Amino acid sequence: MKSTFLTKGTCAKSIELELEGGIVRSVKFFGGCDGNLQGVSRLVEGMSADEAARRLRGIRCGRKATSCPDQLAQAIEQALNA
C-alpha cells in the first residue's frame, strides 16, 4: 500500500511511503536534508512498520516539537490505521 503524508513543522514537505504486510518497503522524502533523509529511509526499509514507528516517534529537531523522523513515524502510523 502506497501513501503520501503531508508533513507539518519540518523542512521536508511530504513523505511517500509504501508498506506491505506490515513491513516498510520504501520511503521517499520531498524536501529537507537530502543525505540525512536518504539515510533514515534506507535504515527503515525492510523493518517492521511498528518497530520503525516506535523508534522514530518523539525525535525532535532542535527546538521544534517534531522532526522528519517523527513525521515519518506519524506517516507510518497513519498508513497502518488506514
PDB file of N, CA and C in Angstrom:
ATOM      1  N   MET A   1       0.837  -1.166   0.000  1.00  0.00           N
ATOM      2  CA  MET A   1       0.000   0.000   0.000  1.00  0.00           C
ATOM      3  C   MET A   1       0.889   1.239   0.000  1.00  0.00           C
ATOM      4  N   LYS A   2       0.713   2.095  -0.981  1.00  0.00           N
ATOM      5  CA  LYS A   2       1.464   3.334  -1.106  1.00  0.00           C
ATOM      6  C   LYS A   2       0.612   4.481  -0.599  1.00  0.00           C
ATOM      7  N   SER A   3       1.241   5.412   0.142  1.00  0.00           N
ATOM      8  CA  SER A   3       0.513   6.583   0.614  1.00  0.00           C
ATOM      9  C   SER A   3       1.448   7.778   0.655  1.00  0.00           C
ATOM     10  N   THR A   4       0.851   8.958   0.636  1.00  0.00           N
ATOM     11  CA  THR A   4       1.597  10.202   0.739  1.00  0.00           C
ATOM     12  C   THR A   4       1.124  10.927   1.984  1.00  0.00           C
ATOM     13  N   PHE A   5       2.072  11.406   2.756  1.00  0.00           N
ATOM     14  CA  PHE A   5       1.813  12.093   4.015  1.00  0.00           C
ATOM     15  C   PHE A   5       2.374  13.503   3.910  1.00  0.00           C
ATOM     16  N   LEU A   6       1.526  14.507   4.166  1.00  0.00           N
ATOM     17  CA  LEU A   6       1.980  15.899   4.173  1.00  0.00           C
ATOM     18  C   LEU A   6       2.499  16.219   5.564  1.00  0.00           C
ATOM     19  N   THR A   7       3.762  16.592   5.643  1.00  0.00           N
ATOM     20  CA  THR A   7       4.399  16.845   6.930  1.00  0.00           C
ATOM     21  C   THR A   7       3.995  18.202   7.498  1.00  0.00           C
ATOM     22  N   LYS A   8       4.209  18.353   8.805  1.00  0.00           N
ATOM     23  CA  LYS A   8       3.920  19.607   9.494  1.00  0.00           C
ATOM     24  C   LYS A   8       5.107  19.950  10.375  1.00  0.00           C
ATOM     25  N   GLY A   9       5.631  21.176  10.245  1.00  0.00           N
ATOM     26  CA  GLY A   9       6.679  21.644  11.131  1.00  0.00           C
ATOM     27  C   GLY A   9       8.087  21.197  10.795  1.00  0.00           C
ATOM     28  N   THR A  10       8.311  20.724   9.571  1.00  0.00           N
ATOM     29  CA  THR A  10       9.650  20.270   9.167  1.00  0.00           C
ATOM     30  C   THR A  10      10.029  20.873   7.823  1.00  0.00           C
ATOM     31  N   CYS A  11      11.305  20.757   7.488  1.00  0.00           N
ATOM     32  CA  CYS A  11      11.789  21.236   6.185  1.00  0.00           C
ATOM     33  C   CYS A  11      11.243  20.366   5.053  1.00  0.00           C
ATOM     34  N   ALA A  12      11.128  19.065   5.300  1.00  0.00           N
ATOM     35  CA  ALA A  12      10.532  18.177   4.300  1.00  0.00           C
ATOM     36  C   ALA A  12       9.050  18.530   4.170  1.00  0.00           C
ATOM     37  N   LYS A  13       8.544  18.534   2.963  1.00  0.00           N
ATOM     38  CA  LYS A  13       7.147  18.911   2.713  1.00  0.00           C
ATOM     39  C   LYS A  13       6.201  17.718   2.697  1.00  0.00           C
ATOM     40  N   SER A  14       6.716  16.556   2.282  1.00  0.00           N
ATOM     41  CA  SER A  14       5.871  15.367   2.240  1.00  0.00           C
ATOM     42  C   SER A  14       6.735  14.116   2.261  1.00  0.00           C
ATOM     43  N   ILE A  15       6.057  12.988   2.539  1.00  0.00           N
ATOM     44  CA  ILE A  15       6.715  11.685   2.581  1.00  0.00           C
ATOM     45  C   ILE A  15       5.875  10.719   1.765  1.00  0.00           C
ATOM     46  N   GLU A  16       6.509   9.998   0.861  1.00  0.00           N
ATOM     47  CA  GLU A  16       5.853   8.925   0.130  1.00  0.00           C
ATOM     48  C   GLU A  16       6.292   7.620   0.782  1.00  0.00           C
ATOM     49  N   LEU A  17       5.341   6.816   1.167  1.00  0.00           N
ATOM     50  CA  LEU A  17       5.598   5.628   1.976  1.00  0.00           C
ATOM     51  C   LEU A  17       4.902   4.424   1.355  1.00  0.00           C
ATOM     52  N   GLU A  18       5.605   3.289   1.332  1.00  0.00           N
ATOM     53  CA  GLU A  18       4.987   2.047   0.871  1.00  0.00           C
ATOM     54  C   GLU A  18       5.170   0.974   1.939  1.00  0.00           C
ATOM     55  N   LEU A  19       4.036   0.444   2.407  1.00  0.00           N
ATOM     56  CA  LEU A  19       4.032  -0.657   3.369  1.00  0.00           C
ATOM     57  C   LEU A  19       3.458  -1.881   2.682  1.00  0.00           C
ATOM     58  N   GLU A  20       4.000  -3.044   3.049  1.00  0.00           N
ATOM     59  CA  GLU A  20       3.496  -4.310   2.510  1.00  0.00           C
ATOM     60  C   GLU A  20       3.555  -5.336   3.625  1.00  0.00           C
ATOM     61  N   GLY A  21       2.395  -5.830   4.031  1.00  0.00           N
ATOM     62  CA  GLY A  21       2.358  -6.849   5.079  1.00  0.00           C
ATOM     63  C   GLY A  21       2.977  -6.392   6.389  1.00  0.00           C
ATOM     64  N   GLY A  22       2.801  -5.117   6.732  1.00  0.00           N
ATOM     65  CA  GLY A  22       3.345  -4.604   7.980  1.00  0.00           C
ATOM     66  C   GLY A  22       4.835  -4.295   7.946  1.00  0.00           C
ATOM     67  N   ILE A  23       5.424  -4.337   6.755  1.00  0.00           N
ATOM     68  CA  ILE A  23       6.853  -4.065   6.572  1.00  0.00           C
ATOM     69  C   ILE A  23       7.008  -2.787   5.741  1.00  0.00           C
ATOM     70  N   VAL A  24       7.967  -1.941   6.115  1.00  0.00           N
ATOM     71  CA  VAL A  24       8.259  -0.729   5.346  1.00  0.00           C
ATOM     72  C   VAL A  24       9.040  -1.154   4.101  1.00  0.00           C
ATOM     73  N   ARG A  25       8.465  -0.930   2.937  1.00  0.00           N
ATOM     74  CA  ARG A  25       9.110  -1.320   1.681  1.00  0.00           C
ATOM     75  C   ARG A  25       9.893  -0.164   1.065  1.00  0.00           C
ATOM     76  N   SER A  26       9.356   1.053   1.133  1.00  0.00           N
ATOM     77  CA  SER A  26      10.092   2.199   0.590  1.00  0.00           C
ATOM     78  C   SER A  26       9.625   3.477   1.269  1.00  0.00           C
ATOM     79  N   VAL A  27      10.548   4.430   1.344  1.00  0.00           N
ATOM     80  CA  VAL A  27      10.279   5.750   1.916  1.00  0.00           C
ATOM     81  C   VAL A  27      10.989   6.775   1.053  1.00  0.00           C
ATOM     82  N   LYS A  28      10.289   7.849   0.694  1.00  0.00           N
ATOM     83  CA  LYS A  28      10.913   8.944  -0.037  1.00  0.00           C
ATOM     84  C   LYS A  28      10.422  10.256   0.546  1.00  0.00           C
ATOM     85  N   PHE A  29      11.372  11.088   0.986  1.00  0.00           N
ATOM     86  CA  PHE A  29      11.066  12.417   1.491  1.00  0.00           C
ATOM     87  C   PHE A  29      11.177  13.414   0.350  1.00  0.00           C
ATOM     88  N   PHE A  30      10.334  14.423   0.359  1.00  0.00           N
ATOM     89  CA  PHE A  30      10.390  15.508  -0.606  1.00  0.00           C
ATOM     90  C   PHE A  30      10.708  16.782   0.166  1.00  0.00           C
ATOM     91  N   GLY A  31      11.891  17.345  -0.105  1.00  0.00           N
ATOM     92  CA  GLY A  31      12.390  18.488   0.647  1.00  0.00           C
ATOM     93  C   GLY A  31      13.217  17.985   1.823  1.00  0.00           C
ATOM     94  N   GLY A  32      13.751  18.920   2.583  1.00  0.00           N
ATOM     95  CA  GLY A  32      14.534  18.547   3.758  1.00  0.00           C
ATOM     96  C   GLY A  32      15.989  18.278   3.427  1.00  0.00           C
ATOM     97  N   CYS A  33      16.703  17.727   4.386  1.00  0.00           N
ATOM     98  CA  CYS A  33      18.145  17.443   4.279  1.00  0.00           C
ATOM     99  C   CYS A  33      18.337  16.126   3.533  1.00  0.00           C
ATOM    100  N   ASP A  34      18.614  16.210   2.268  1.00  0.00           N
ATOM    101  CA  ASP A  34      18.600  15.055   1.371  1.00  0.00           C
ATOM    102  C   ASP A  34      19.430  13.876   1.873  1.00  0.00           C
ATOM    103  N   GLY A  35      20.676  14.102   2.230  1.00  0.00           N
ATOM    104  CA  GLY A  35      21.542  12.989   2.653  1.00  0.00           C
ATOM    105  C   GLY A  35      21.028  12.313   3.911  1.00  0.00           C
ATOM    106  N   ASN A  36      20.672  13.095   4.912  1.00  0.00           N
ATOM    107  CA  ASN A  36      20.167  12.526   6.164  1.00  0.00           C
ATOM    108  C   ASN A  36      18.871  11.750   5.935  1.00  0.00           C
ATOM    109  N   LEU A  37      17.995  12.303   5.126  1.00  0.00           N
ATOM    110  CA  LEU A  37      16.706  11.643   4.914  1.00  0.00           C
ATOM    111  C   LEU A  37      16.827  10.394   4.051  1.00  0.00           C
ATOM    112  N   GLN A  38      17.799  10.364   3.145  1.00  0.00           N
ATOM    113  CA  GLN A  38      18.060   9.122   2.418  1.00  0.00           C
ATOM    114  C   GLN A  38      18.537   8.054   3.396  1.00  0.00           C
ATOM    115  N   GLY A  39      19.384   8.466   4.350  1.00  0.00           N
ATOM    116  CA  GLY A  39      19.886   7.528   5.358  1.00  0.00           C
ATOM    117  C   GLY A  39      18.767   6.972   6.221  1.00  0.00           C
ATOM    118  N   VAL A  40      17.898   7.843   6.715  1.00  0.00           N
ATOM    119  CA  VAL A  40      16.760   7.399   7.531  1.00  0.00           C
ATOM    120  C   VAL A  40      15.895   6.441   6.721  1.00  0.00           C
ATOM    121  N   SER A  41      15.629   6.804   5.479  1.00  0.00           N
ATOM    122  CA  SER A  41      14.792   5.960   4.615  1.00  0.00           C
ATOM    123  C   SER A  41      15.377   4.569   4.453  1.00  0.00           C
ATOM    124  N   ARG A  42      16.656   4.488   4.167  1.00  0.00           N
ATOM    125  CA  ARG A  42      17.294   3.180   3.950  1.00  0.00           C
ATOM    126  C   ARG A  42      17.356   2.360   5.234  1.00  0.00           C
ATOM    127  N   LEU A  43      17.508   3.031   6.364  1.00  0.00           N
ATOM    128  CA  LEU A  43      17.564   2.297   7.634  1.00  0.00           C
ATOM    129  C   LEU A  43      16.243   1.617   7.977  1.00  0.00           C
ATOM    130  N   VAL A  44      15.119   2.247   7.635  1.00  0.00           N
ATOM    131  CA  VAL A  44      13.830   1.653   7.995  1.00  0.00           C
ATOM    132  C   VAL A  44      13.278   0.715   6.932  1.00  0.00           C
ATOM    133  N   GLU A  45      13.785   0.775   5.708  1.00  0.00           N
ATOM    134  CA  GLU A  45      13.295  -0.130   4.661  1.00  0.00           C
ATOM    135  C   GLU A  45      13.592  -1.572   5.054  1.00  0.00           C
ATOM    136  N   GLY A  46      12.562  -2.410   4.993  1.00  0.00           N
ATOM    137  CA  GLY A  46      12.692  -3.811   5.388  1.00  0.00           C
ATOM    138  C   GLY A  46      12.364  -4.046   6.854  1.00  0.00           C
ATOM    139  N   MET A  47      12.186  -2.976   7.613  1.00  0.00           N
ATOM    140  CA  MET A  47      11.885  -3.079   9.041  1.00  0.00           C
ATOM    141  C   MET A  47      10.379  -3.183   9.258  1.00  0.00           C
ATOM    142  N   SER A  48      10.004  -3.810  10.340  1.00  0.00           N
ATOM    143  CA  SER A  48       8.599  -3.834  10.738  1.00  0.00           C
ATOM    144  C   SER A  48       8.117  -2.394  10.889  1.00  0.00           C
ATOM    145  N   ALA A  49       6.944  -2.103  10.346  1.00  0.00           N
ATOM    146  CA  ALA A  49       6.396  -0.750  10.431  1.00  0.00           C
ATOM    147  C   ALA A  49       6.196  -0.330  11.884  1.00  0.00           C
ATOM    148  N   ASP A  50       5.713  -1.241  12.711  1.00  0.00           N
ATOM    149  CA  ASP A  50       5.509  -0.936  14.136  1.00  0.00           C
ATOM    150  C   ASP A  50       6.828  -0.579  14.811  1.00  0.00           C
ATOM    151  N   GLU A  51       7.871  -1.328  14.532  1.00  0.00           N
ATOM    152  CA  GLU A  51       9.180  -1.080  15.135  1.00  0.00           C
ATOM    153  C   GLU A  51       9.769   0.239  14.649  1.00  0.00           C
ATOM    154  N   ALA A  52       9.646   0.521  13.363  1.00  0.00           N
ATOM    155  CA  ALA A  52      10.164   1.778  12.818  1.00  0.00           C
ATOM    156  C   ALA A  52       9.460   2.960  13.470  1.00  0.00           C
ATOM    157  N   ALA A  53       8.141   2.904  13.562  1.00  0.00           N
ATOM    158  CA  ALA A  53       7.376   3.993  14.181  1.00  0.00           C
ATOM    159  C   ALA A  53       7.762   4.155  15.646  1.00  0.00           C
ATOM    160  N   ARG A  54       7.923   3.057  16.358  1.00  0.00           N
ATOM    161  CA  ARG A  54       8.294   3.114  17.775  1.00  0.00           C
ATOM    162  C   ARG A  54       9.650   3.795  17.963  1.00  0.00           C
ATOM    163  N   ARG A  55      10.602   3.455  17.117  1.00  0.00           N
ATOM    164  CA  ARG A  55      11.948   4.023  17.243  1.00  0.00           C
ATOM    165  C   ARG A  55      12.012   5.502  16.872  1.00  0.00           C
ATOM    166  N   LEU A  56      11.200   5.930  15.914  1.00  0.00           N
ATOM    167  CA  LEU A  56      11.280   7.293  15.400  1.00  0.00           C
ATOM    168  C   LEU A  56      10.379   8.288  16.119  1.00  0.00           C
ATOM    169  N   ARG A  57       9.308   7.775  16.736  1.00  0.00           N
ATOM    170  CA  ARG A  57       8.322   8.637  17.398  1.00  0.00           C
ATOM    171  C   ARG A  57       8.981   9.475  18.485  1.00  0.00           C
ATOM    172  N   GLY A  58       8.710  10.779  18.460  1.00  0.00           N
ATOM    173  CA  GLY A  58       9.164  11.672  19.519  1.00  0.00           C
ATOM    174  C   GLY A  58      10.514  12.327  19.298  1.00  0.00           C
ATOM    175  N   ILE A  59      11.223  11.978  18.211  1.00  0.00           N
ATOM    176  CA  ILE A  59      12.502  12.636  17.925  1.00  0.00           C
ATOM    177  C   ILE A  59      12.213  14.091  17.563  1.00  0.00           C
ATOM    178  N   ARG A  60      12.992  14.985  18.147  1.00  0.00           N
ATOM    179  CA  ARG A  60      12.808  16.411  17.889  1.00  0.00           C
ATOM    180  C   ARG A  60      13.991  16.958  17.098  1.00  0.00           C
ATOM    181  N   CYS A  61      13.755  18.039  16.366  1.00  0.00           N
ATOM    182  CA  CYS A  61      14.796  18.716  15.600  1.00  0.00           C
ATOM    183  C   CYS A  61      15.032  20.067  16.269  1.00  0.00           C
ATOM    184  N   GLY A  62      16.127  20.171  17.009  1.00  0.00           N
ATOM    185  CA  GLY A  62      16.411  21.411  17.729  1.00  0.00           C
ATOM    186  C   GLY A  62      15.291  21.739  18.691  1.00  0.00           C
ATOM    187  N   ARG A  63      14.775  22.928  18.594  1.00  0.00           N
ATOM    188  CA  ARG A  63      13.687  23.364  19.487  1.00  0.00           C
ATOM    189  C   ARG A  63      12.299  23.068  18.922  1.00  0.00           C
ATOM    190  N   LYS A  64      12.261  22.503  17.727  1.00  0.00           N
ATOM    191  CA  LYS A  64      10.966  22.167  17.119  1.00  0.00           C
ATOM    192  C   LYS A  64      10.318  21.025  17.892  1.00  0.00           C
ATOM    193  N   ALA A  65       9.010  20.979  17.872  1.00  0.00           N
ATOM    194  CA  ALA A  65       8.269  19.929  18.569  1.00  0.00           C
ATOM    195  C   ALA A  65       8.277  18.610  17.801  1.00  0.00           C
ATOM    196  N   THR A  66       8.812  18.603  16.592  1.00  0.00           N
ATOM    197  CA  THR A  66       8.812  17.415  15.746  1.00  0.00           C
ATOM    198  C   THR A  66      10.111  17.378  14.938  1.00  0.00           C
ATOM    199  N   SER A  67      10.218  16.414  14.055  1.00  0.00           N
ATOM    200  CA  SER A  67      11.377  16.264  13.163  1.00  0.00           C
ATOM    201  C   SER A  67      10.922  15.431  11.976  1.00  0.00           C
ATOM    202  N   CYS A  68      11.784  15.313  10.982  1.00  0.00           N
ATOM    203  CA  CYS A  68      11.444  14.454   9.841  1.00  0.00           C
ATOM    204  C   CYS A  68      11.266  12.995  10.273  1.00  0.00           C
ATOM    205  N   PRO A  69      12.139  12.436  11.152  1.00  0.00           N
ATOM    206  CA  PRO A  69      11.897  11.071  11.615  1.00  0.00           C
ATOM    207  C   PRO A  69      10.572  10.936  12.378  1.00  0.00           C
ATOM    208  N   ASP A  70      10.233  11.923  13.211  1.00  0.00           N
ATOM    209  CA  ASP A  70       8.959  11.892  13.939  1.00  0.00           C
ATOM    210  C   ASP A  70       7.791  11.960  12.965  1.00  0.00           C
ATOM    211  N   GLN A  71       7.913  12.774  11.924  1.00  0.00           N
ATOM    212  CA  GLN A  71       6.861  12.843  10.911  1.00  0.00           C
ATOM    213  C   GLN A  71       6.738  11.518  10.156  1.00  0.00           C
ATOM    214  N   LEU A  72       7.855  10.837   9.934  1.00  0.00           N
ATOM    215  CA  LEU A  72       7.806   9.514   9.310  1.00  0.00           C
ATOM    216  C   LEU A  72       7.070   8.537  10.211  1.00  0.00           C
ATOM    217  N   ALA A  73       7.319   8.597  11.511  1.00  0.00           N
ATOM    218  CA  ALA A  73       6.590   7.733  12.454  1.00  0.00           C
ATOM    219  C   ALA A  73       5.092   7.989  12.348  1.00  0.00           C
ATOM    220  N   GLN A  74       4.712   9.251  12.268  1.00  0.00           N
ATOM    221  CA  GLN A  74       3.286   9.581  12.141  1.00  0.00           C
ATOM    222  C   GLN A  74       2.719   9.079  10.815  1.00  0.00           C
ATOM    223  N   ALA A  75       3.492   9.192   9.748  1.00  0.00           N
ATOM    224  CA  ALA A  75       3.058   8.698   8.441  1.00  0.00           C
ATOM    225  C   ALA A  75       2.840   7.187   8.478  1.00  0.00           C
ATOM    226  N   ILE A  76       3.767   6.470   9.121  1.00  0.00           N
ATOM    227  CA  ILE A  76       3.643   5.016   9.232  1.00  0.00           C
ATOM    228  C   ILE A  76       2.401   4.650  10.024  1.00  0.00           C
ATOM    229  N   GLU A  77       2.193   5.323  11.161  1.00  0.00           N
ATOM    230  CA  GLU A  77       1.030   5.024  11.995  1.00  0.00           C
ATOM    231  C   GLU A  77      -0.268   5.314  11.250  1.00  0.00           C
ATOM    232  N   GLN A  78      -0.292   6.413  10.497  1.00  0.00           N
ATOM    233  CA  GLN A  78      -1.481   6.753   9.709  1.00  0.00           C
ATOM    234  C   GLN A  78      -1.749   5.676   8.658  1.00  0.00           C
ATOM    235  N   ALA A  79      -0.702   5.214   7.992  1.00  0.00           N
ATOM    236  CA  ALA A  79      -0.861   4.182   6.959  1.00  0.00           C
ATOM    237  C   ALA A  79      -1.334   2.863   7.570  1.00  0.00           C
ATOM    238  N   LEU A  80      -0.805   2.525   8.746  1.00  0.00           N
ATOM    239  CA  LEU A  80      -1.229   1.289   9.406  1.00  0.00           C
ATOM    240  C   LEU A  80      -2.691   1.334   9.829  1.00  0.00           C
ATOM    241  N   ASN A  81      -3.176   2.522  10.177  1.00  0.00           N
ATOM    242  CA  ASN A  81      -4.551   2.674  10.635  1.00  0.00           C
ATOM    243  C   ASN A  81      -5.554   2.889   9.503  1.00  0.00           C
ATOM    244  N   ALA A  82      -5.048   3.029   8.276  1.00  0.00           N
ATOM    245  CA  ALA A  82      -5.934   3.285   7.136  1.00  0.00           C
ATOM    246  C   ALA A  82      -6.633   2.028   6.690  1.00  0.00           C
TER     247      ALA A  82
END
